[in-house]
Amino acid sequence: MQPITLYFHGSSPNPWKVAMILEELNLPYIKKDVSFTEIKKEPYVLINPNGRLPAIQDPNTDLTLWESGAIIEYLVETYDTNHKISFERGSEAYFHVKQFLHFQVSGQGPYFGQALWFLYQHPEKVVSAQERYINQVKRVTEVLDSVLEGKEYLVSERFSYVDAAFVPWYEPVPSVSGNAIDLEELFPNVRSWLERVRRRPAIAKILGERDKALAAEAAEKK
């Protein structure tokens, strides 16, 4: 099998969740770093006309694909034939895991990203926007905390790809919230779940690579 190319950037959470799935499925891949100054230009927009990360190119199927949720679904449906981190097509769990993936890409990612933007990147301090998105971070986490009551994982009492999908956006939560979110105190079910998922070898490996990439990026800015 030829390696899949994953287009990513170290400070962008979404590519890391794709990397986690590639690792969990033990698929060969190479990461190709695309800086934020290049994602709106050719040649990258010829791969992803939306100018966002991630994207993949799979030479085994001659497929180019963008949008992290779609990429994850493609990887598990194409390569997870033994349902290591997915579920049998048509089963109840098969649809429930898609339900949570849609919640992640439409709820967690955008709200957490907007919280980061208005706290650290927006040129003006807009308190109402900061408060709105911090509250949305809390709301999304509250939903997950209620779902995880008495459970170890989101679907069918075993780890699946959607558990991994939520992890990268939770890594910057303390900075997003300005310490307004205490996972241990407010959301103990989420805290236990995240710790459980992070201990998986594939997830731990990717989080380690992420930390190194962020450290290198920070060093370059000094």
N, C-alpha and C. Protein backbone atom coordinates (compact mmCIF):
# COMPACT_ATOMS: atom_id res chain seq x y z
N MET A 1 0.83 -1.20 0.00
CA MET A 1 0.00 0.00 0.00
C MET A 1 0.87 1.25 0.00
N GLN A 2 0.53 2.19 -0.88
CA GLN A 2 1.27 3.44 -0.96
C GLN A 2 0.82 4.40 0.15
N PRO A 3 1.71 5.25 0.64
CA PRO A 3 1.32 6.17 1.71
C PRO A 3 0.34 7.24 1.24
N ILE A 4 -0.60 7.56 2.11
CA ILE A 4 -1.56 8.63 1.89
C ILE A 4 -0.89 9.95 2.29
N THR A 5 -1.09 10.98 1.51
CA THR A 5 -0.55 12.30 1.84
C THR A 5 -1.59 13.08 2.63
N LEU A 6 -1.19 13.56 3.81
CA LEU A 6 -2.05 14.39 4.65
C LEU A 6 -1.49 15.80 4.66
N TYR A 7 -2.27 16.74 4.17
CA TYR A 7 -1.90 18.15 4.20
C TYR A 7 -2.34 18.73 5.53
N PHE A 8 -1.40 19.35 6.23
CA PHE A 8 -1.70 19.78 7.59
C PHE A 8 -0.89 21.01 7.94
N HIS A 9 -1.19 21.58 9.11
CA HIS A 9 -0.33 22.57 9.74
C HIS A 9 -0.40 22.35 11.23
N GLY A 10 0.73 22.54 11.92
CA GLY A 10 0.83 22.13 13.31
C GLY A 10 -0.15 22.76 14.26
N SER A 11 -0.49 24.03 14.04
CA SER A 11 -1.38 24.72 14.97
C SER A 11 -2.86 24.58 14.63
N SER A 12 -3.16 23.83 13.59
CA SER A 12 -4.55 23.61 13.19
C SER A 12 -5.05 22.29 13.76
N PRO A 13 -6.09 22.30 14.60
CA PRO A 13 -6.55 21.05 15.25
C PRO A 13 -7.09 20.00 14.29
N ASN A 14 -7.79 20.42 13.23
CA ASN A 14 -8.50 19.44 12.41
C ASN A 14 -7.59 18.41 11.72
N PRO A 15 -6.42 18.79 11.20
CA PRO A 15 -5.58 17.75 10.60
C PRO A 15 -5.13 16.69 11.60
N TRP A 16 -4.98 17.06 12.87
CA TRP A 16 -4.51 16.08 13.85
C TRP A 16 -5.52 14.99 14.09
N LYS A 17 -6.82 15.30 13.97
CA LYS A 17 -7.79 14.22 14.17
C LYS A 17 -7.75 13.23 13.01
N VAL A 18 -7.44 13.71 11.81
CA VAL A 18 -7.25 12.79 10.68
C VAL A 18 -6.01 11.93 10.92
N ALA A 19 -4.94 12.55 11.40
CA ALA A 19 -3.72 11.79 11.70
C ALA A 19 -3.99 10.70 12.73
N MET A 20 -4.84 11.01 13.72
CA MET A 20 -5.18 10.00 14.73
C MET A 20 -5.86 8.78 14.11
N ILE A 21 -6.73 9.02 13.16
CA ILE A 21 -7.43 7.91 12.50
C ILE A 21 -6.45 7.11 11.65
N LEU A 22 -5.56 7.78 10.94
CA LEU A 22 -4.54 7.08 10.16
C LEU A 22 -3.68 6.19 11.06
N GLU A 23 -3.32 6.71 12.22
CA GLU A 23 -2.52 5.93 13.17
C GLU A 23 -3.31 4.76 13.74
N GLU A 24 -4.53 5.01 14.13
CA GLU A 24 -5.36 3.94 14.69
C GLU A 24 -5.53 2.79 13.71
N LEU A 25 -5.61 3.12 12.43
CA LEU A 25 -5.80 2.09 11.40
C LEU A 25 -4.47 1.56 10.86
N ASN A 26 -3.38 2.10 11.40
CA ASN A 26 -2.03 1.66 10.99
C ASN A 26 -1.84 1.80 9.48
N LEU A 27 -2.29 2.93 8.94
CA LEU A 27 -2.16 3.19 7.51
C LEU A 27 -0.88 3.99 7.25
N PRO A 28 -0.16 3.66 6.20
CA PRO A 28 1.03 4.45 5.87
C PRO A 28 0.62 5.83 5.36
N TYR A 29 1.30 6.86 5.84
CA TYR A 29 0.98 8.22 5.39
C TYR A 29 2.18 9.13 5.59
N ILE A 30 2.15 10.21 4.87
CA ILE A 30 3.14 11.25 5.03
C ILE A 30 2.42 12.58 5.28
N LYS A 31 2.98 13.40 6.15
CA LYS A 31 2.40 14.70 6.44
C LYS A 31 3.12 15.76 5.61
N LYS A 32 2.37 16.61 4.97
CA LYS A 32 2.93 17.69 4.18
C LYS A 32 2.45 19.01 4.77
N ASP A 33 3.37 19.75 5.36
CA ASP A 33 3.03 20.99 6.03
C ASP A 33 2.70 22.09 5.01
N VAL A 34 1.57 22.75 5.23
CA VAL A 34 1.18 23.89 4.40
C VAL A 34 0.97 25.07 5.34
N SER A 35 1.73 26.12 5.18
CA SER A 35 1.61 27.27 6.08
C SER A 35 0.32 28.02 5.81
N PHE A 36 -0.12 28.78 6.80
CA PHE A 36 -1.36 29.54 6.66
C PHE A 36 -1.24 30.61 5.57
N THR A 37 -0.02 31.01 5.23
CA THR A 37 0.16 32.00 4.17
C THR A 37 0.01 31.38 2.78
N GLU A 38 -0.01 30.05 2.72
CA GLU A 38 -0.06 29.36 1.43
C GLU A 38 -1.38 28.67 1.14
N ILE A 39 -2.25 28.56 2.15
CA ILE A 39 -3.45 27.73 1.94
C ILE A 39 -4.48 28.38 1.01
N LYS A 40 -4.37 29.67 0.76
CA LYS A 40 -5.32 30.34 -0.14
C LYS A 40 -4.73 30.54 -1.54
N LYS A 41 -3.58 29.92 -1.79
CA LYS A 41 -2.90 30.11 -3.05
C LYS A 41 -2.71 28.78 -3.77
N GLU A 42 -2.41 28.88 -5.06
CA GLU A 42 -1.96 27.69 -5.77
C GLU A 42 -0.54 27.36 -5.31
N PRO A 43 -0.17 26.10 -5.19
CA PRO A 43 -0.92 24.94 -5.71
C PRO A 43 -1.94 24.35 -4.75
N TYR A 44 -1.98 24.83 -3.47
CA TYR A 44 -2.85 24.14 -2.51
C TYR A 44 -4.33 24.27 -2.86
N VAL A 45 -4.77 25.42 -3.38
CA VAL A 45 -6.20 25.56 -3.69
C VAL A 45 -6.63 24.66 -4.85
N LEU A 46 -5.66 24.12 -5.58
CA LEU A 46 -6.01 23.13 -6.59
C LEU A 46 -6.36 21.79 -5.95
N ILE A 47 -5.88 21.61 -4.72
CA ILE A 47 -6.21 20.41 -3.94
C ILE A 47 -7.48 20.65 -3.13
N ASN A 48 -7.53 21.79 -2.45
CA ASN A 48 -8.71 22.16 -1.66
C ASN A 48 -9.11 23.58 -2.03
N PRO A 49 -10.11 23.75 -2.89
CA PRO A 49 -10.51 25.09 -3.32
C PRO A 49 -11.05 25.95 -2.18
N ASN A 50 -11.39 25.33 -1.05
CA ASN A 50 -11.87 26.08 0.11
C ASN A 50 -10.71 26.71 0.89
N GLY A 51 -9.49 26.30 0.60
CA GLY A 51 -8.34 26.90 1.25
C GLY A 51 -8.29 26.66 2.74
N ARG A 52 -8.61 25.44 3.14
CA ARG A 52 -8.58 25.07 4.55
C ARG A 52 -7.83 23.74 4.69
N LEU A 53 -7.42 23.45 5.91
CA LEU A 53 -6.76 22.19 6.22
C LEU A 53 -7.67 21.36 7.12
N PRO A 54 -7.64 20.03 6.96
CA PRO A 54 -6.74 19.22 6.15
C PRO A 54 -7.31 18.89 4.78
N ALA A 55 -6.47 18.19 4.01
CA ALA A 55 -6.90 17.50 2.80
C ALA A 55 -6.03 16.26 2.70
N ILE A 56 -6.48 15.29 1.94
CA ILE A 56 -5.66 14.10 1.70
C ILE A 56 -5.64 13.78 0.22
N GLN A 57 -4.59 13.09 -0.18
CA GLN A 57 -4.51 12.47 -1.49
C GLN A 57 -4.14 11.01 -1.28
N ASP A 58 -5.01 10.13 -1.76
CA ASP A 58 -4.80 8.70 -1.58
C ASP A 58 -4.46 8.07 -2.93
N PRO A 59 -3.19 7.75 -3.15
CA PRO A 59 -2.79 7.17 -4.43
C PRO A 59 -3.33 5.77 -4.65
N ASN A 60 -3.77 5.12 -3.59
CA ASN A 60 -4.29 3.76 -3.71
C ASN A 60 -5.67 3.74 -4.37
N THR A 61 -6.40 4.84 -4.24
CA THR A 61 -7.73 4.93 -4.85
C THR A 61 -7.83 6.10 -5.82
N ASP A 62 -6.73 6.84 -5.95
CA ASP A 62 -6.67 8.02 -6.81
C ASP A 62 -7.72 9.05 -6.39
N LEU A 63 -7.83 9.24 -5.08
CA LEU A 63 -8.84 10.16 -4.54
C LEU A 63 -8.17 11.32 -3.81
N THR A 64 -8.64 12.52 -4.10
CA THR A 64 -8.31 13.72 -3.34
C THR A 64 -9.56 14.14 -2.60
N LEU A 65 -9.39 14.45 -1.31
CA LEU A 65 -10.57 14.73 -0.48
C LEU A 65 -10.23 15.78 0.55
N TRP A 66 -11.19 16.68 0.80
CA TRP A 66 -11.03 17.67 1.86
C TRP A 66 -12.28 17.69 2.73
N GLU A 67 -12.21 18.42 3.84
CA GLU A 67 -13.16 18.43 4.94
C GLU A 67 -12.88 17.23 5.86
N SER A 68 -12.50 17.54 7.09
CA SER A 68 -12.01 16.51 8.00
C SER A 68 -13.03 15.41 8.28
N GLY A 69 -14.30 15.77 8.43
CA GLY A 69 -15.31 14.75 8.69
C GLY A 69 -15.46 13.78 7.54
N ALA A 70 -15.46 14.32 6.32
CA ALA A 70 -15.56 13.47 5.14
C ALA A 70 -14.33 12.58 5.00
N ILE A 71 -13.16 13.13 5.33
CA ILE A 71 -11.93 12.33 5.25
C ILE A 71 -11.99 11.17 6.23
N ILE A 72 -12.42 11.44 7.45
CA ILE A 72 -12.50 10.38 8.46
C ILE A 72 -13.47 9.30 8.02
N GLU A 73 -14.64 9.69 7.52
CA GLU A 73 -15.60 8.69 7.05
C GLU A 73 -15.01 7.87 5.91
N TYR A 74 -14.32 8.52 5.01
CA TYR A 74 -13.69 7.80 3.90
C TYR A 74 -12.68 6.78 4.40
N LEU A 75 -11.83 7.20 5.32
CA LEU A 75 -10.78 6.30 5.81
C LEU A 75 -11.35 5.07 6.49
N VAL A 76 -12.35 5.26 7.33
CA VAL A 76 -12.88 4.09 8.05
C VAL A 76 -13.71 3.20 7.12
N GLU A 77 -14.44 3.81 6.20
CA GLU A 77 -15.27 2.98 5.32
C GLU A 77 -14.43 2.27 4.26
N THR A 78 -13.29 2.83 3.93
CA THR A 78 -12.43 2.21 2.92
C THR A 78 -11.47 1.20 3.53
N TYR A 79 -10.93 1.52 4.71
CA TYR A 79 -9.83 0.72 5.24
C TYR A 79 -10.12 -0.01 6.55
N ASP A 80 -11.16 0.36 7.27
CA ASP A 80 -11.45 -0.32 8.53
C ASP A 80 -12.45 -1.46 8.30
N THR A 81 -12.03 -2.40 7.48
CA THR A 81 -12.95 -3.48 7.10
C THR A 81 -13.27 -4.42 8.26
N ASN A 82 -12.42 -4.46 9.26
CA ASN A 82 -12.68 -5.30 10.44
C ASN A 82 -13.36 -4.54 11.57
N HIS A 83 -13.72 -3.29 11.30
CA HIS A 83 -14.44 -2.45 12.28
C HIS A 83 -13.69 -2.33 13.60
N LYS A 84 -12.40 -2.07 13.49
CA LYS A 84 -11.59 -1.84 14.68
C LYS A 84 -12.05 -0.59 15.42
N ILE A 85 -12.32 0.49 14.67
CA ILE A 85 -12.75 1.74 15.29
C ILE A 85 -14.06 2.26 14.69
N SER A 86 -14.77 1.38 14.03
CA SER A 86 -16.05 1.75 13.44
C SER A 86 -17.05 0.63 13.70
N PHE A 87 -18.20 0.73 13.08
CA PHE A 87 -19.26 -0.25 13.32
C PHE A 87 -19.84 -0.74 11.99
N GLU A 88 -20.47 -1.87 12.05
CA GLU A 88 -21.03 -2.49 10.84
C GLU A 88 -22.04 -1.55 10.18
N ARG A 89 -21.89 -1.41 8.88
CA ARG A 89 -22.78 -0.54 8.12
C ARG A 89 -24.25 -0.92 8.35
N GLY A 90 -25.08 0.08 8.61
CA GLY A 90 -26.51 -0.13 8.80
C GLY A 90 -26.91 -0.40 10.23
N SER A 91 -25.94 -0.65 11.12
CA SER A 91 -26.28 -0.91 12.52
C SER A 91 -26.64 0.40 13.22
N GLU A 92 -27.25 0.28 14.38
CA GLU A 92 -27.61 1.46 15.16
C GLU A 92 -26.36 2.27 15.52
N ALA A 93 -25.30 1.57 15.94
CA ALA A 93 -24.06 2.25 16.31
C ALA A 93 -23.44 2.96 15.10
N TYR A 94 -23.59 2.40 13.92
CA TYR A 94 -23.06 3.01 12.70
C TYR A 94 -23.62 4.41 12.50
N PHE A 95 -24.92 4.57 12.76
CA PHE A 95 -25.54 5.88 12.60
C PHE A 95 -25.27 6.79 13.79
N HIS A 96 -25.19 6.22 14.98
CA HIS A 96 -24.90 7.05 16.15
C HIS A 96 -23.51 7.66 16.08
N VAL A 97 -22.54 6.91 15.58
CA VAL A 97 -21.19 7.46 15.49
C VAL A 97 -21.15 8.59 14.46
N LYS A 98 -21.93 8.47 13.40
CA LYS A 98 -22.03 9.56 12.43
C LYS A 98 -22.71 10.78 13.07
N GLN A 99 -23.70 10.53 13.90
CA GLN A 99 -24.38 11.61 14.60
C GLN A 99 -23.39 12.46 15.39
N PHE A 100 -22.52 11.78 16.15
CA PHE A 100 -21.55 12.52 16.96
C PHE A 100 -20.47 13.17 16.11
N LEU A 101 -20.12 12.55 14.98
CA LEU A 101 -19.15 13.18 14.10
C LEU A 101 -19.71 14.49 13.54
N HIS A 102 -20.98 14.49 13.16
CA HIS A 102 -21.60 15.71 12.67
C HIS A 102 -21.67 16.76 13.78
N PHE A 103 -21.91 16.34 14.99
CA PHE A 103 -21.91 17.26 16.13
C PHE A 103 -20.52 17.87 16.32
N GLN A 104 -19.50 17.06 16.13
CA GLN A 104 -18.13 17.56 16.29
C GLN A 104 -17.79 18.60 15.22
N VAL A 105 -18.10 18.29 13.96
CA VAL A 105 -17.67 19.19 12.89
C VAL A 105 -18.56 20.43 12.80
N SER A 106 -19.80 20.34 13.24
CA SER A 106 -20.69 21.51 13.14
C SER A 106 -20.81 22.27 14.45
N GLY A 107 -20.51 21.61 15.57
CA GLY A 107 -20.66 22.25 16.86
C GLY A 107 -19.35 22.53 17.54
N GLN A 108 -18.62 21.50 17.87
CA GLN A 108 -17.38 21.71 18.62
C GLN A 108 -16.36 22.55 17.85
N GLY A 109 -15.98 22.11 16.67
CA GLY A 109 -14.93 22.78 15.92
C GLY A 109 -15.19 24.26 15.68
N PRO A 110 -16.33 24.63 15.08
CA PRO A 110 -16.58 26.06 14.81
C PRO A 110 -16.65 26.92 16.06
N TYR A 111 -17.32 26.44 17.10
CA TYR A 111 -17.45 27.27 18.31
C TYR A 111 -16.11 27.41 19.04
N PHE A 112 -15.39 26.31 19.14
CA PHE A 112 -14.09 26.40 19.81
C PHE A 112 -13.15 27.30 19.00
N GLY A 113 -13.22 27.18 17.68
CA GLY A 113 -12.37 28.01 16.83
C GLY A 113 -12.70 29.49 16.96
N GLN A 114 -13.98 29.82 17.03
CA GLN A 114 -14.37 31.22 17.19
C GLN A 114 -13.95 31.76 18.56
N ALA A 115 -14.01 30.92 19.58
CA ALA A 115 -13.53 31.34 20.89
C ALA A 115 -12.05 31.71 20.82
N LEU A 116 -11.27 30.88 20.16
CA LEU A 116 -9.84 31.18 19.99
C LEU A 116 -9.64 32.49 19.23
N TRP A 117 -10.41 32.65 18.18
CA TRP A 117 -10.25 33.84 17.35
C TRP A 117 -10.53 35.12 18.14
N PHE A 118 -11.67 35.18 18.81
CA PHE A 118 -12.04 36.41 19.49
C PHE A 118 -11.23 36.67 20.76
N LEU A 119 -10.64 35.62 21.32
CA LEU A 119 -9.79 35.82 22.48
C LEU A 119 -8.38 36.25 22.12
N TYR A 120 -7.86 35.75 20.98
CA TYR A 120 -6.44 35.93 20.73
C TYR A 120 -6.07 36.51 19.37
N GLN A 121 -6.98 36.53 18.40
CA GLN A 121 -6.58 36.96 17.07
C GLN A 121 -7.37 38.15 16.54
N HIS A 122 -8.57 38.35 17.01
CA HIS A 122 -9.37 39.47 16.53
C HIS A 122 -8.68 40.78 16.90
N PRO A 123 -8.57 41.72 15.97
CA PRO A 123 -7.82 42.95 16.25
C PRO A 123 -8.43 43.84 17.33
N GLU A 124 -9.72 43.68 17.58
CA GLU A 124 -10.39 44.46 18.62
C GLU A 124 -10.94 43.51 19.69
N LYS A 125 -10.97 43.99 20.91
CA LYS A 125 -11.54 43.19 21.98
C LYS A 125 -13.05 43.36 21.98
N VAL A 126 -13.75 42.27 21.67
CA VAL A 126 -15.22 42.28 21.63
C VAL A 126 -15.71 41.36 22.74
N VAL A 127 -16.00 41.93 23.88
CA VAL A 127 -16.32 41.13 25.06
C VAL A 127 -17.55 40.27 24.82
N SER A 128 -18.55 40.81 24.16
CA SER A 128 -19.78 40.04 23.93
C SER A 128 -19.51 38.80 23.08
N ALA A 129 -18.62 38.92 22.09
CA ALA A 129 -18.28 37.77 21.26
C ALA A 129 -17.46 36.77 22.06
N GLN A 130 -16.54 37.24 22.87
CA GLN A 130 -15.76 36.35 23.71
C GLN A 130 -16.66 35.55 24.64
N GLU A 131 -17.58 36.24 25.28
CA GLU A 131 -18.49 35.57 26.21
C GLU A 131 -19.38 34.57 25.49
N ARG A 132 -19.85 34.95 24.30
CA ARG A 132 -20.73 34.04 23.55
C ARG A 132 -20.03 32.73 23.25
N TYR A 133 -18.81 32.81 22.74
CA TYR A 133 -18.16 31.58 22.31
C TYR A 133 -17.58 30.78 23.47
N ILE A 134 -17.19 31.44 24.55
CA ILE A 134 -16.81 30.69 25.74
C ILE A 134 -18.02 29.92 26.27
N ASN A 135 -19.19 30.56 26.24
CA ASN A 135 -20.40 29.87 26.68
C ASN A 135 -20.76 28.70 25.77
N GLN A 136 -20.45 28.85 24.47
CA GLN A 136 -20.71 27.74 23.55
C GLN A 136 -19.75 26.58 23.79
N VAL A 137 -18.50 26.89 24.14
CA VAL A 137 -17.56 25.83 24.53
C VAL A 137 -18.12 25.06 25.71
N LYS A 138 -18.65 25.79 26.68
CA LYS A 138 -19.24 25.16 27.85
C LYS A 138 -20.46 24.32 27.46
N ARG A 139 -21.30 24.88 26.57
CA ARG A 139 -22.53 24.18 26.19
C ARG A 139 -22.23 22.86 25.50
N VAL A 140 -21.31 22.89 24.53
CA VAL A 140 -20.93 21.66 23.83
C VAL A 140 -20.39 20.63 24.80
N THR A 141 -19.56 21.08 25.73
CA THR A 141 -18.96 20.16 26.71
C THR A 141 -20.02 19.62 27.66
N GLU A 142 -20.99 20.43 27.97
CA GLU A 142 -22.08 19.96 28.84
C GLU A 142 -22.89 18.86 28.15
N VAL A 143 -23.11 19.02 26.85
CA VAL A 143 -23.82 17.98 26.10
C VAL A 143 -23.05 16.66 26.16
N LEU A 144 -21.76 16.73 25.90
CA LEU A 144 -20.94 15.52 25.94
C LEU A 144 -20.91 14.92 27.34
N ASP A 145 -20.83 15.77 28.34
CA ASP A 145 -20.77 15.29 29.71
C ASP A 145 -22.04 14.52 30.07
N SER A 146 -23.18 15.00 29.60
CA SER A 146 -24.45 14.31 29.88
C SER A 146 -24.52 12.98 29.14
N VAL A 147 -24.04 12.94 27.91
CA VAL A 147 -24.04 11.71 27.12
C VAL A 147 -23.13 10.66 27.76
N LEU A 148 -22.03 11.11 28.34
CA LEU A 148 -21.03 10.20 28.89
C LEU A 148 -21.32 9.74 30.31
N GLU A 149 -22.41 10.19 30.86
CA GLU A 149 -22.76 9.75 32.22
C GLU A 149 -22.89 8.23 32.27
N GLY A 150 -22.07 7.60 33.08
CA GLY A 150 -22.10 6.15 33.21
C GLY A 150 -21.52 5.39 32.04
N LYS A 151 -20.82 6.09 31.14
CA LYS A 151 -20.25 5.45 29.95
C LYS A 151 -18.77 5.77 29.83
N GLU A 152 -18.03 4.89 29.16
CA GLU A 152 -16.61 5.13 28.92
C GLU A 152 -16.37 5.80 27.57
N TYR A 153 -17.23 5.54 26.60
CA TYR A 153 -17.06 6.09 25.27
C TYR A 153 -18.41 6.57 24.75
N LEU A 154 -18.40 7.30 23.64
CA LEU A 154 -19.62 7.94 23.17
C LEU A 154 -20.63 6.95 22.61
N VAL A 155 -20.15 5.89 21.94
CA VAL A 155 -21.06 4.98 21.24
C VAL A 155 -20.74 3.53 21.59
N SER A 156 -21.72 2.80 21.97
CA SER A 156 -21.66 1.35 22.08
C SER A 156 -20.58 0.81 23.02
N GLU A 157 -20.22 1.60 24.02
CA GLU A 157 -19.31 1.14 25.08
C GLU A 157 -17.94 0.68 24.60
N ARG A 158 -17.52 1.16 23.43
CA ARG A 158 -16.14 0.91 23.02
C ARG A 158 -15.64 2.08 22.21
N PHE A 159 -14.32 2.23 22.19
CA PHE A 159 -13.70 3.32 21.45
C PHE A 159 -14.06 3.24 19.97
N SER A 160 -14.35 4.39 19.39
CA SER A 160 -14.56 4.48 17.95
C SER A 160 -13.93 5.76 17.43
N TYR A 161 -13.93 5.92 16.13
CA TYR A 161 -13.25 7.05 15.53
C TYR A 161 -13.77 8.39 16.01
N VAL A 162 -15.03 8.43 16.42
CA VAL A 162 -15.58 9.72 16.82
C VAL A 162 -15.05 10.18 18.18
N ASP A 163 -14.64 9.25 19.03
CA ASP A 163 -14.01 9.66 20.29
C ASP A 163 -12.73 10.42 20.00
N ALA A 164 -11.96 9.95 19.04
CA ALA A 164 -10.72 10.63 18.68
C ALA A 164 -10.99 12.00 18.07
N ALA A 165 -12.08 12.12 17.31
CA ALA A 165 -12.34 13.35 16.57
C ALA A 165 -12.48 14.58 17.48
N PHE A 166 -12.94 14.37 18.71
CA PHE A 166 -13.15 15.50 19.62
C PHE A 166 -11.86 15.95 20.31
N VAL A 167 -10.85 15.09 20.36
CA VAL A 167 -9.68 15.36 21.21
C VAL A 167 -8.89 16.60 20.80
N PRO A 168 -8.53 16.79 19.51
CA PRO A 168 -7.64 17.91 19.19
C PRO A 168 -8.17 19.29 19.58
N TRP A 169 -9.48 19.49 19.49
CA TRP A 169 -10.02 20.80 19.85
C TRP A 169 -10.07 21.00 21.36
N TYR A 170 -9.97 19.90 22.12
CA TYR A 170 -9.93 20.06 23.58
C TYR A 170 -8.53 20.37 24.10
N GLU A 171 -7.51 20.20 23.29
CA GLU A 171 -6.16 20.47 23.75
C GLU A 171 -5.97 21.94 24.14
N PRO A 172 -6.50 22.91 23.36
CA PRO A 172 -6.32 24.31 23.76
C PRO A 172 -7.43 24.87 24.64
N VAL A 173 -8.30 24.03 25.19
CA VAL A 173 -9.44 24.53 25.97
C VAL A 173 -9.05 25.46 27.11
N PRO A 174 -8.03 25.17 27.92
CA PRO A 174 -7.71 26.11 29.01
C PRO A 174 -7.41 27.51 28.51
N SER A 175 -6.68 27.62 27.39
CA SER A 175 -6.38 28.95 26.86
C SER A 175 -7.59 29.57 26.20
N VAL A 176 -8.43 28.74 25.58
CA VAL A 176 -9.64 29.26 24.96
C VAL A 176 -10.53 29.91 26.01
N SER A 177 -10.67 29.28 27.14
CA SER A 177 -11.63 29.73 28.15
C SER A 177 -11.04 30.73 29.13
N GLY A 178 -9.74 30.97 29.05
CA GLY A 178 -9.14 31.82 30.06
C GLY A 178 -9.30 31.21 31.44
N ASN A 179 -9.21 29.86 31.47
CA ASN A 179 -9.41 29.09 32.70
C ASN A 179 -10.83 29.18 33.23
N ALA A 180 -11.77 29.61 32.37
CA ALA A 180 -13.17 29.67 32.78
C ALA A 180 -13.80 28.28 32.78
N ILE A 181 -13.17 27.33 32.10
CA ILE A 181 -13.68 25.97 32.05
C ILE A 181 -12.77 25.08 32.86
N ASP A 182 -13.26 24.56 33.95
CA ASP A 182 -12.53 23.60 34.76
C ASP A 182 -13.13 22.24 34.49
N LEU A 183 -12.49 21.47 33.60
CA LEU A 183 -13.05 20.19 33.21
C LEU A 183 -13.23 19.26 34.40
N GLU A 184 -12.27 19.31 35.31
CA GLU A 184 -12.33 18.40 36.45
C GLU A 184 -13.52 18.71 37.35
N GLU A 185 -13.78 20.00 37.54
CA GLU A 185 -14.86 20.39 38.44
C GLU A 185 -16.22 20.38 37.76
N LEU A 186 -16.29 20.96 36.57
CA LEU A 186 -17.58 21.15 35.91
C LEU A 186 -18.01 19.95 35.08
N PHE A 187 -17.05 19.29 34.44
CA PHE A 187 -17.40 18.23 33.50
C PHE A 187 -16.55 16.98 33.76
N PRO A 188 -16.77 16.31 34.87
CA PRO A 188 -15.92 15.16 35.22
C PRO A 188 -16.03 14.00 34.24
N ASN A 189 -17.19 13.81 33.63
CA ASN A 189 -17.33 12.72 32.67
C ASN A 189 -16.47 12.96 31.43
N VAL A 190 -16.45 14.20 30.98
CA VAL A 190 -15.63 14.56 29.83
C VAL A 190 -14.15 14.43 30.18
N ARG A 191 -13.78 14.88 31.35
CA ARG A 191 -12.38 14.79 31.76
C ARG A 191 -11.91 13.34 31.78
N SER A 192 -12.69 12.44 32.36
CA SER A 192 -12.31 11.03 32.42
C SER A 192 -12.23 10.42 31.03
N TRP A 193 -13.18 10.77 30.20
CA TRP A 193 -13.22 10.26 28.82
C TRP A 193 -12.00 10.73 28.03
N LEU A 194 -11.67 12.02 28.13
CA LEU A 194 -10.51 12.53 27.41
C LEU A 194 -9.23 11.86 27.89
N GLU A 195 -9.09 11.68 29.18
CA GLU A 195 -7.90 11.00 29.70
C GLU A 195 -7.81 9.58 29.17
N ARG A 196 -8.95 8.91 29.09
CA ARG A 196 -9.00 7.52 28.61
C ARG A 196 -8.57 7.46 27.14
N VAL A 197 -9.11 8.37 26.34
CA VAL A 197 -8.80 8.37 24.91
C VAL A 197 -7.34 8.76 24.67
N ARG A 198 -6.85 9.74 25.41
CA ARG A 198 -5.47 10.20 25.24
C ARG A 198 -4.45 9.13 25.58
N ARG A 199 -4.82 8.15 26.38
CA ARG A 199 -3.88 7.08 26.76
C ARG A 199 -3.68 6.06 25.65
N ARG A 200 -4.55 6.06 24.66
CA ARG A 200 -4.37 5.10 23.57
C ARG A 200 -3.05 5.39 22.84
N PRO A 201 -2.28 4.36 22.52
CA PRO A 201 -0.96 4.60 21.92
C PRO A 201 -0.99 5.48 20.67
N ALA A 202 -1.93 5.24 19.78
CA ALA A 202 -2.00 6.03 18.55
C ALA A 202 -2.31 7.49 18.85
N ILE A 203 -3.23 7.72 19.77
CA ILE A 203 -3.62 9.09 20.12
C ILE A 203 -2.46 9.79 20.82
N ALA A 204 -1.84 9.08 21.76
CA ALA A 204 -0.70 9.67 22.50
C ALA A 204 0.43 10.03 21.55
N LYS A 205 0.68 9.19 20.56
CA LYS A 205 1.74 9.47 19.59
C LYS A 205 1.46 10.76 18.84
N ILE A 206 0.23 10.92 18.36
CA ILE A 206 -0.13 12.11 17.59
C ILE A 206 -0.10 13.36 18.47
N LEU A 207 -0.56 13.25 19.69
CA LEU A 207 -0.52 14.40 20.58
C LEU A 207 0.93 14.81 20.87
N GLY A 208 1.82 13.84 20.96
CA GLY A 208 3.23 14.14 21.13
C GLY A 208 3.80 14.87 19.92
N GLU A 209 3.42 14.42 18.73
CA GLU A 209 3.88 15.08 17.51
C GLU A 209 3.31 16.50 17.42
N ARG A 210 2.07 16.64 17.86
CA ARG A 210 1.45 17.98 17.86
C ARG A 210 2.21 18.92 18.78
N ASP A 211 2.54 18.45 19.97
CA ASP A 211 3.28 19.29 20.92
C ASP A 211 4.62 19.74 20.35
N LYS A 212 5.31 18.81 19.67
CA LYS A 212 6.60 19.16 19.07
C LYS A 212 6.42 20.18 17.94
N ALA A 213 5.37 20.02 17.15
CA ALA A 213 5.11 20.95 16.05
C ALA A 213 4.79 22.34 16.59
N LEU A 214 4.00 22.41 17.65
CA LEU A 214 3.67 23.70 18.24
C LEU A 214 4.89 24.37 18.86
N ALA A 215 5.74 23.56 19.50
CA ALA A 215 6.95 24.10 20.09
C ALA A 215 7.89 24.65 19.02
N ALA A 216 8.01 23.92 17.92
CA ALA A 216 8.86 24.38 16.82
C ALA A 216 8.31 25.67 16.19
N GLU A 217 6.99 25.73 16.07
CA GLU A 217 6.36 26.93 15.50
C GLU A 217 6.57 28.13 16.42
N ALA A 218 6.45 27.91 17.72
CA ALA A 218 6.68 28.99 18.69
C ALA A 218 8.12 29.48 18.67
N ALA A 219 9.04 28.54 18.50
CA ALA A 219 10.46 28.90 18.46
C ALA A 219 10.78 29.74 17.24
N GLU A 220 10.14 29.44 16.11
CA GLU A 220 10.38 30.20 14.89
C GLU A 220 9.91 31.64 15.01
N LYS A 221 8.87 31.87 15.83
CA LYS A 221 8.31 33.21 15.97
C LYS A 221 9.14 34.10 16.89
N LYS A 222 10.03 33.49 17.68
CA LYS A 222 10.83 34.29 18.61
C LYS A 222 11.94 35.05 17.89
